[in-house]
Amino acid sequence: MATLGAVFGISYLSMGGGGKKPQTMPPIQASSKDEENFIQEFIKQAEAEGKAKH
């Protein structure tokens, strides 16, 4: 019983995976604050459209 418990326990823990890592974006190199805001809004809209299609 102990052997089966250990095998299933280790299997369960090894398959747990861990938390989902947040996506990282490369730094935005904009020439002005307005351009940076425009790029960020564009990315948000594109991600929203991508999620809506799936």
PDB file of N, CA and C in Angstrom:
ATOM      1  N   MET A   1       0.826  -1.195   0.000  1.00  0.00           N
ATOM      2  CA  MET A   1       0.000   0.000   0.000  1.00  0.00           C
ATOM      3  C   MET A   1       0.870   1.258   0.000  1.00  0.00           C
ATOM      4  N   ALA A   2       1.924   1.213   0.812  1.00  0.00           N
ATOM      5  CA  ALA A   2       2.800   2.383   0.891  1.00  0.00           C
ATOM      6  C   ALA A   2       3.484   2.638  -0.445  1.00  0.00           C
ATOM      7  N   THR A   3       3.859   1.566  -1.131  1.00  0.00           N
ATOM      8  CA  THR A   3       4.522   1.719  -2.431  1.00  0.00           C
ATOM      9  C   THR A   3       3.579   2.354  -3.443  1.00  0.00           C
ATOM     10  N   LEU A   4       2.341   1.859  -3.488  1.00  0.00           N
ATOM     11  CA  LEU A   4       1.367   2.441  -4.413  1.00  0.00           C
ATOM     12  C   LEU A   4       1.081   3.893  -4.060  1.00  0.00           C
ATOM     13  N   GLY A   5       0.952   4.177  -2.781  1.00  0.00           N
ATOM     14  CA  GLY A   5       0.714   5.553  -2.347  1.00  0.00           C
ATOM     15  C   GLY A   5       1.856   6.469  -2.753  1.00  0.00           C
ATOM     16  N   ALA A   6       3.086   5.978  -2.590  1.00  0.00           N
ATOM     17  CA  ALA A   6       4.246   6.786  -2.961  1.00  0.00           C
ATOM     18  C   ALA A   6       4.297   7.007  -4.472  1.00  0.00           C
ATOM     19  N   VAL A   7       4.033   5.957  -5.240  1.00  0.00           N
ATOM     20  CA  VAL A   7       4.076   6.076  -6.696  1.00  0.00           C
ATOM     21  C   VAL A   7       3.024   7.069  -7.185  1.00  0.00           C
ATOM     22  N   PHE A   8       1.794   6.927  -6.710  1.00  0.00           N
ATOM     23  CA  PHE A   8       0.740   7.839  -7.150  1.00  0.00           C
ATOM     24  C   PHE A   8       0.958   9.249  -6.614  1.00  0.00           C
ATOM     25  N   GLY A   9       1.470   9.360  -5.404  1.00  0.00           N
ATOM     26  CA  GLY A   9       1.748  10.682  -4.839  1.00  0.00           C
ATOM     27  C   GLY A   9       2.823  11.419  -5.615  1.00  0.00           C
ATOM     28  N   ILE A  10       3.898  10.724  -5.945  1.00  0.00           N
ATOM     29  CA  ILE A  10       4.979  11.344  -6.714  1.00  0.00           C
ATOM     30  C   ILE A  10       4.497  11.696  -8.121  1.00  0.00           C
ATOM     31  N   SER A  11       3.706  10.817  -8.717  1.00  0.00           N
ATOM     32  CA  SER A  11       3.165  11.093 -10.051  1.00  0.00           C
ATOM     33  C   SER A  11       2.278  12.330 -10.029  1.00  0.00           C
ATOM     34  N   TYR A  12       1.436  12.423  -9.025  1.00  0.00           N
ATOM     35  CA  TYR A  12       0.529  13.568  -8.908  1.00  0.00           C
ATOM     36  C   TYR A  12       1.318  14.866  -8.753  1.00  0.00           C
ATOM     37  N   LEU A  13       2.319  14.852  -7.896  1.00  0.00           N
ATOM     38  CA  LEU A  13       3.099  16.063  -7.664  1.00  0.00           C
ATOM     39  C   LEU A  13       3.934  16.453  -8.881  1.00  0.00           C
ATOM     40  N   SER A  14       4.456  15.472  -9.593  1.00  0.00           N
ATOM     41  CA  SER A  14       5.284  15.795 -10.753  1.00  0.00           C
ATOM     42  C   SER A  14       4.452  16.310 -11.921  1.00  0.00           C
ATOM     43  N   MET A  15       3.181  15.934 -11.991  1.00  0.00           N
ATOM     44  CA  MET A  15       2.324  16.383 -13.081  1.00  0.00           C
ATOM     45  C   MET A  15       1.584  17.667 -12.740  1.00  0.00           C
ATOM     46  N   GLY A  16       1.788  18.192 -11.548  1.00  0.00           N
ATOM     47  CA  GLY A  16       1.083  19.400 -11.116  1.00  0.00           C
ATOM     48  C   GLY A  16       1.364  20.603 -11.989  1.00  0.00           C
ATOM     49  N   GLY A  17       2.562  20.720 -12.473  1.00  0.00           N
ATOM     50  CA  GLY A  17       2.867  21.797 -13.406  1.00  0.00           C
ATOM     51  C   GLY A  17       3.319  23.077 -12.751  1.00  0.00           C
ATOM     52  N   GLY A  18       2.568  23.650 -11.913  1.00  0.00           N
ATOM     53  CA  GLY A  18       2.914  24.942 -11.347  1.00  0.00           C
ATOM     54  C   GLY A  18       2.016  26.013 -11.917  1.00  0.00           C
ATOM     55  N   GLY A  19       2.221  27.222 -11.463  1.00  0.00           N
ATOM     56  CA  GLY A  19       1.379  28.328 -11.888  1.00  0.00           C
ATOM     57  C   GLY A  19       1.658  28.747 -13.320  1.00  0.00           C
ATOM     58  N   LYS A  20       0.697  29.411 -13.883  1.00  0.00           N
ATOM     59  CA  LYS A  20       0.843  29.911 -15.237  1.00  0.00           C
ATOM     60  C   LYS A  20       1.695  31.177 -15.188  1.00  0.00           C
ATOM     61  N   LYS A  21       2.744  31.204 -15.982  1.00  0.00           N
ATOM     62  CA  LYS A  21       3.637  32.358 -15.988  1.00  0.00           C
ATOM     63  C   LYS A  21       3.014  33.467 -16.830  1.00  0.00           C
ATOM     64  N   PRO A  22       3.103  34.705 -16.358  1.00  0.00           N
ATOM     65  CA  PRO A  22       2.546  35.804 -17.150  1.00  0.00           C
ATOM     66  C   PRO A  22       3.360  36.030 -18.420  1.00  0.00           C
ATOM     67  N   GLN A  23       2.665  36.431 -19.452  1.00  0.00           N
ATOM     68  CA  GLN A  23       3.349  36.694 -20.709  1.00  0.00           C
ATOM     69  C   GLN A  23       4.147  37.984 -20.583  1.00  0.00           C
ATOM     70  N   THR A  24       5.345  37.969 -21.074  1.00  0.00           N
ATOM     71  CA  THR A  24       6.167  39.168 -21.042  1.00  0.00           C
ATOM     72  C   THR A  24       6.254  39.746 -22.441  1.00  0.00           C
ATOM     73  N   MET A  25       6.220  41.054 -22.510  1.00  0.00           N
ATOM     74  CA  MET A  25       6.306  41.742 -23.786  1.00  0.00           C
ATOM     75  C   MET A  25       7.666  42.414 -23.880  1.00  0.00           C
ATOM     76  N   PRO A  26       8.197  42.521 -25.078  1.00  0.00           N
ATOM     77  CA  PRO A  26       9.439  43.278 -25.224  1.00  0.00           C
ATOM     78  C   PRO A  26       9.164  44.756 -24.948  1.00  0.00           C
ATOM     79  N   PRO A  27      10.170  45.501 -24.543  1.00  0.00           N
ATOM     80  CA  PRO A  27       9.939  46.923 -24.250  1.00  0.00           C
ATOM     81  C   PRO A  27       9.528  47.685 -25.506  1.00  0.00           C
ATOM     82  N   ILE A  28       8.628  48.630 -25.315  1.00  0.00           N
ATOM     83  CA  ILE A  28       8.154  49.456 -26.423  1.00  0.00           C
ATOM     84  C   ILE A  28       9.092  50.652 -26.542  1.00  0.00           C
ATOM     85  N   GLN A  29       9.671  50.819 -27.712  1.00  0.00           N
ATOM     86  CA  GLN A  29      10.598  51.931 -27.932  1.00  0.00           C
ATOM     87  C   GLN A  29       9.912  52.968 -28.807  1.00  0.00           C
ATOM     88  N   ALA A  30       9.102  53.796 -28.175  1.00  0.00           N
ATOM     89  CA  ALA A  30       8.368  54.822 -28.889  1.00  0.00           C
ATOM     90  C   ALA A  30       9.090  56.158 -28.741  1.00  0.00           C
ATOM     91  N   SER A  31       8.878  57.029 -29.713  1.00  0.00           N
ATOM     92  CA  SER A  31       9.541  58.330 -29.672  1.00  0.00           C
ATOM     93  C   SER A  31       8.804  59.318 -28.776  1.00  0.00           C
ATOM     94  N   SER A  32       7.530  59.041 -28.459  1.00  0.00           N
ATOM     95  CA  SER A  32       6.773  59.931 -27.579  1.00  0.00           C
ATOM     96  C   SER A  32       5.807  59.109 -26.732  1.00  0.00           C
ATOM     97  N   LYS A  33       5.274  59.747 -25.701  1.00  0.00           N
ATOM     98  CA  LYS A  33       4.318  59.081 -24.812  1.00  0.00           C
ATOM     99  C   LYS A  33       3.025  58.759 -25.562  1.00  0.00           C
ATOM    100  N   ASP A  34       2.604  59.641 -26.470  1.00  0.00           N
ATOM    101  CA  ASP A  34       1.394  59.390 -27.259  1.00  0.00           C
ATOM    102  C   ASP A  34       1.556  58.150 -28.139  1.00  0.00           C
ATOM    103  N   GLU A  35       2.719  58.016 -28.747  1.00  0.00           N
ATOM    104  CA  GLU A  35       2.972  56.847 -29.589  1.00  0.00           C
ATOM    105  C   GLU A  35       2.967  55.568 -28.758  1.00  0.00           C
ATOM    106  N   GLU A  36       3.548  55.628 -27.568  1.00  0.00           N
ATOM    107  CA  GLU A  36       3.564  54.463 -26.678  1.00  0.00           C
ATOM    108  C   GLU A  36       2.142  54.067 -26.281  1.00  0.00           C
ATOM    109  N   ASN A  37       1.306  55.059 -25.939  1.00  0.00           N
ATOM    110  CA  ASN A  37      -0.090  54.774 -25.587  1.00  0.00           C
ATOM    111  C   ASN A  37      -0.842  54.167 -26.765  1.00  0.00           C
ATOM    112  N   PHE A  38      -0.596  54.688 -27.971  1.00  0.00           N
ATOM    113  CA  PHE A  38      -1.247  54.155 -29.163  1.00  0.00           C
ATOM    114  C   PHE A  38      -0.873  52.691 -29.378  1.00  0.00           C
ATOM    115  N   ILE A  39       0.405  52.378 -29.222  1.00  0.00           N
ATOM    116  CA  ILE A  39       0.872  51.001 -29.414  1.00  0.00           C
ATOM    117  C   ILE A  39       0.246  50.074 -28.383  1.00  0.00           C
ATOM    118  N   GLN A  40       0.196  50.513 -27.125  1.00  0.00           N
ATOM    119  CA  GLN A  40      -0.388  49.682 -26.068  1.00  0.00           C
ATOM    120  C   GLN A  40      -1.872  49.434 -26.314  1.00  0.00           C
ATOM    121  N   GLU A  41      -2.604  50.452 -26.726  1.00  0.00           N
ATOM    122  CA  GLU A  41      -4.029  50.281 -27.024  1.00  0.00           C
ATOM    123  C   GLU A  41      -4.228  49.348 -28.220  1.00  0.00           C
ATOM    124  N   PHE A  42      -3.379  49.487 -29.237  1.00  0.00           N
ATOM    125  CA  PHE A  42      -3.469  48.619 -30.407  1.00  0.00           C
ATOM    126  C   PHE A  42      -3.249  47.162 -30.018  1.00  0.00           C
ATOM    127  N   ILE A  43      -2.271  46.915 -29.157  1.00  0.00           N
ATOM    128  CA  ILE A  43      -1.983  45.547 -28.708  1.00  0.00           C
ATOM    129  C   ILE A  43      -3.168  44.987 -27.927  1.00  0.00           C
ATOM    130  N   LYS A  44      -3.762  45.799 -27.048  1.00  0.00           N
ATOM    131  CA  LYS A  44      -4.924  45.346 -26.271  1.00  0.00           C
ATOM    132  C   LYS A  44      -6.078  44.971 -27.197  1.00  0.00           C
ATOM    133  N   GLN A  45      -6.337  45.804 -28.210  1.00  0.00           N
ATOM    134  CA  GLN A  45      -7.426  45.519 -29.147  1.00  0.00           C
ATOM    135  C   GLN A  45      -7.142  44.254 -29.956  1.00  0.00           C
ATOM    136  N   ALA A  46      -5.904  44.089 -30.385  1.00  0.00           N
ATOM    137  CA  ALA A  46      -5.546  42.906 -31.170  1.00  0.00           C
ATOM    138  C   ALA A  46      -5.682  41.639 -30.337  1.00  0.00           C
ATOM    139  N   GLU A  47      -5.285  41.692 -29.060  1.00  0.00           N
ATOM    140  CA  GLU A  47      -5.429  40.523 -28.188  1.00  0.00           C
ATOM    141  C   GLU A  47      -6.899  40.215 -27.937  1.00  0.00           C
ATOM    142  N   ALA A  48      -7.723  41.252 -27.776  1.00  0.00           N
ATOM    143  CA  ALA A  48      -9.152  41.037 -27.553  1.00  0.00           C
ATOM    144  C   ALA A  48      -9.793  40.396 -28.784  1.00  0.00           C
ATOM    145  N   GLU A  49      -9.423  40.851 -29.970  1.00  0.00           N
ATOM    146  CA  GLU A  49      -9.955  40.260 -31.199  1.00  0.00           C
ATOM    147  C   GLU A  49      -9.487  38.819 -31.359  1.00  0.00           C
ATOM    148  N   GLY A  50      -8.256  38.548 -30.985  1.00  0.00           N
ATOM    149  CA  GLY A  50      -7.722  37.188 -31.077  1.00  0.00           C
ATOM    150  C   GLY A  50      -8.446  36.236 -30.148  1.00  0.00           C
ATOM    151  N   LYS A  51      -8.771  36.693 -28.947  1.00  0.00           N
ATOM    152  CA  LYS A  51      -9.495  35.852 -27.992  1.00  0.00           C
ATOM    153  C   LYS A  51     -10.938  35.651 -28.433  1.00  0.00           C
ATOM    154  N   ALA A  52     -11.522  36.655 -29.083  1.00  0.00           N
ATOM    155  CA  ALA A  52     -12.906  36.548 -29.530  1.00  0.00           C
ATOM    156  C   ALA A  52     -13.041  35.519 -30.657  1.00  0.00           C
ATOM    157  N   LYS A  53     -12.014  35.365 -31.465  1.00  0.00           N
ATOM    158  CA  LYS A  53     -12.070  34.418 -32.582  1.00  0.00           C
ATOM    159  C   LYS A  53     -11.952  32.976 -32.114  1.00  0.00           C
ATOM    160  N   HIS A  54     -11.334  32.750 -30.970  1.00  0.00           N
ATOM    161  CA  HIS A  54     -11.121  31.376 -30.493  1.00  0.00           C
ATOM    162  C   HIS A  54     -12.269  30.952 -29.711  1.00  0.00           C
TER     163      HIS A  54
END
